Amino acid sequence: MQYTHLGRSGPSVSRLCLGATNFGPQPDDPAAHSIMDFAQEAGISFFNMANRLDEISPGHKTAPKDYTW
């Protein structure tokens, strides 16, 4: 697995990302955990857990009030 630094902050993450958008009602919890465990064992350390990226942006009604961009 290849790793890269995430921005300028320094953490090293895998170049591959597991997109987990469909983990909602699709697989049950044990199946979702099994998928994530398998990915982690393969060296994936980057998980995208966003439900919908288009809903959270600065000033949007769903953005947390104390969220700093």
C-alpha atoms as a PDB file:
ATOM      1  CA  MET A   1       0.000   0.000   0.000  1.00  0.00           C
ATOM      2  CA  GLN A   2       1.260   3.460  -0.845  1.00  0.00           C
ATOM      3  CA  TYR A   3       0.817   6.294   1.626  1.00  0.00           C
ATOM      4  CA  THR A   4       0.886  10.070   1.301  1.00  0.00           C
ATOM      5  CA  HIS A   5       0.669  13.029   3.657  1.00  0.00           C
ATOM      6  CA  LEU A   6      -2.762  14.564   4.122  1.00  0.00           C
ATOM      7  CA  GLY A   7      -2.364  18.239   3.314  1.00  0.00           C
ATOM      8  CA  ARG A   8       0.212  20.118   5.341  1.00  0.00           C
ATOM      9  CA  SER A   9      -0.931  18.719   8.674  1.00  0.00           C
ATOM     10  CA  GLY A  10       1.315  15.688   8.471  1.00  0.00           C
ATOM     11  CA  PRO A  11      -0.839  12.569   8.966  1.00  0.00           C
ATOM     12  CA  SER A  12       0.049   9.797   6.571  1.00  0.00           C
ATOM     13  CA  VAL A  13      -2.911   8.119   4.860  1.00  0.00           C
ATOM     14  CA  SER A  14      -3.268   5.448   2.217  1.00  0.00           C
ATOM     15  CA  ARG A  15      -3.535   6.624  -1.377  1.00  0.00           C
ATOM     16  CA  LEU A  16      -6.629   4.434  -1.704  1.00  0.00           C
ATOM     17  CA  CYS A  17      -9.769   5.586   0.051  1.00  0.00           C
ATOM     18  CA  LEU A  18     -12.744   3.424   0.993  1.00  0.00           C
ATOM     19  CA  GLY A  19     -15.885   5.371   0.125  1.00  0.00           C
ATOM     20  CA  ALA A  20     -18.555   4.275   2.558  1.00  0.00           C
ATOM     21  CA  THR A  21     -21.467   6.388   1.332  1.00  0.00           C
ATOM     22  CA  ASN A  22     -23.598   3.313   0.680  1.00  0.00           C
ATOM     23  CA  PHE A  23     -23.053   1.810   4.114  1.00  0.00           C
ATOM     24  CA  GLY A  24     -26.320   3.359   5.347  1.00  0.00           C
ATOM     25  CA  PRO A  25     -29.237   0.966   4.889  1.00  0.00           C
ATOM     26  CA  GLN A  26     -27.416  -1.329   2.455  1.00  0.00           C
ATOM     27  CA  PRO A  27     -25.348  -3.767   4.588  1.00  0.00           C
ATOM     28  CA  ASP A  28     -26.138  -4.365   8.242  1.00  0.00           C
ATOM     29  CA  ASP A  29     -23.649  -3.234  10.913  1.00  0.00           C
ATOM     30  CA  PRO A  30     -21.696  -6.516  11.114  1.00  0.00           C
ATOM     31  CA  ALA A  31     -21.260  -6.580   7.320  1.00  0.00           C
ATOM     32  CA  ALA A  32     -20.150  -2.928   7.227  1.00  0.00           C
ATOM     33  CA  HIS A  33     -17.624  -3.561  10.014  1.00  0.00           C
ATOM     34  CA  SER A  34     -16.362  -6.621   8.161  1.00  0.00           C
ATOM     35  CA  ILE A  35     -15.804  -4.554   5.002  1.00  0.00           C
ATOM     36  CA  MET A  36     -13.944  -1.850   6.932  1.00  0.00           C
ATOM     37  CA  ASP A  37     -11.863  -4.426   8.831  1.00  0.00           C
ATOM     38  CA  PHE A  38     -10.870  -6.057   5.542  1.00  0.00           C
ATOM     39  CA  ALA A  39      -9.857  -2.689   4.078  1.00  0.00           C
ATOM     40  CA  GLN A  40      -7.822  -1.814   7.169  1.00  0.00           C
ATOM     41  CA  GLU A  41      -6.057  -5.186   7.086  1.00  0.00           C
ATOM     42  CA  ALA A  42      -5.174  -4.444   3.438  1.00  0.00           C
ATOM     43  CA  GLY A  43      -3.516  -1.194   4.559  1.00  0.00           C
ATOM     44  CA  ILE A  44      -6.290   1.300   3.805  1.00  0.00           C
ATOM     45  CA  SER A  45      -6.280   4.046   6.410  1.00  0.00           C
ATOM     46  CA  PHE A  46      -8.401   6.612   4.553  1.00  0.00           C
ATOM     47  CA  PHE A  47     -12.178   6.243   4.943  1.00  0.00           C
ATOM     48  CA  ASN A  48     -14.699   8.641   3.428  1.00  0.00           C
ATOM     49  CA  MET A  49     -17.725   8.452   5.702  1.00  0.00           C
ATOM     50  CA  ALA A  50     -19.590  11.477   4.303  1.00  0.00           C
ATOM     51  CA  ASN A  51     -23.256  10.855   3.688  1.00  0.00           C
ATOM     52  CA  ARG A  52     -23.746  13.672   1.191  1.00  0.00           C
ATOM     53  CA  LEU A  53     -20.959  16.093   0.459  1.00  0.00           C
ATOM     54  CA  ASP A  54     -23.248  18.579  -1.261  1.00  0.00           C
ATOM     55  CA  GLU A  55     -25.248  19.291   1.905  1.00  0.00           C
ATOM     56  CA  ILE A  56     -22.473  20.571   4.137  1.00  0.00           C
ATOM     57  CA  SER A  57     -20.756  23.741   3.047  1.00  0.00           C
ATOM     58  CA  PRO A  58     -19.960  27.009   4.827  1.00  0.00           C
ATOM     59  CA  GLY A  59     -23.166  28.778   5.743  1.00  0.00           C
ATOM     60  CA  HIS A  60     -25.425  25.865   4.797  1.00  0.00           C
ATOM     61  CA  LYS A  61     -28.228  25.164   7.276  1.00  0.00           C
ATOM     62  CA  THR A  62     -26.814  21.706   8.066  1.00  0.00           C
ATOM     63  CA  ALA A  63     -23.269  22.947   8.738  1.00  0.00           C
ATOM     64  CA  PRO A  64     -22.431  22.929  12.450  1.00  0.00           C
ATOM     65  CA  LYS A  65     -22.491  26.483  13.822  1.00  0.00           C
ATOM     66  CA  ASP A  66     -19.028  26.129  15.375  1.00  0.00           C
ATOM     67  CA  TYR A  67     -17.467  24.531  12.280  1.00  0.00           C
ATOM     68  CA  THR A  68     -14.403  26.412  11.098  1.00  0.00           C
ATOM     69  CA  TRP A  69     -13.357  26.212   7.471  1.00  0.00           C
END
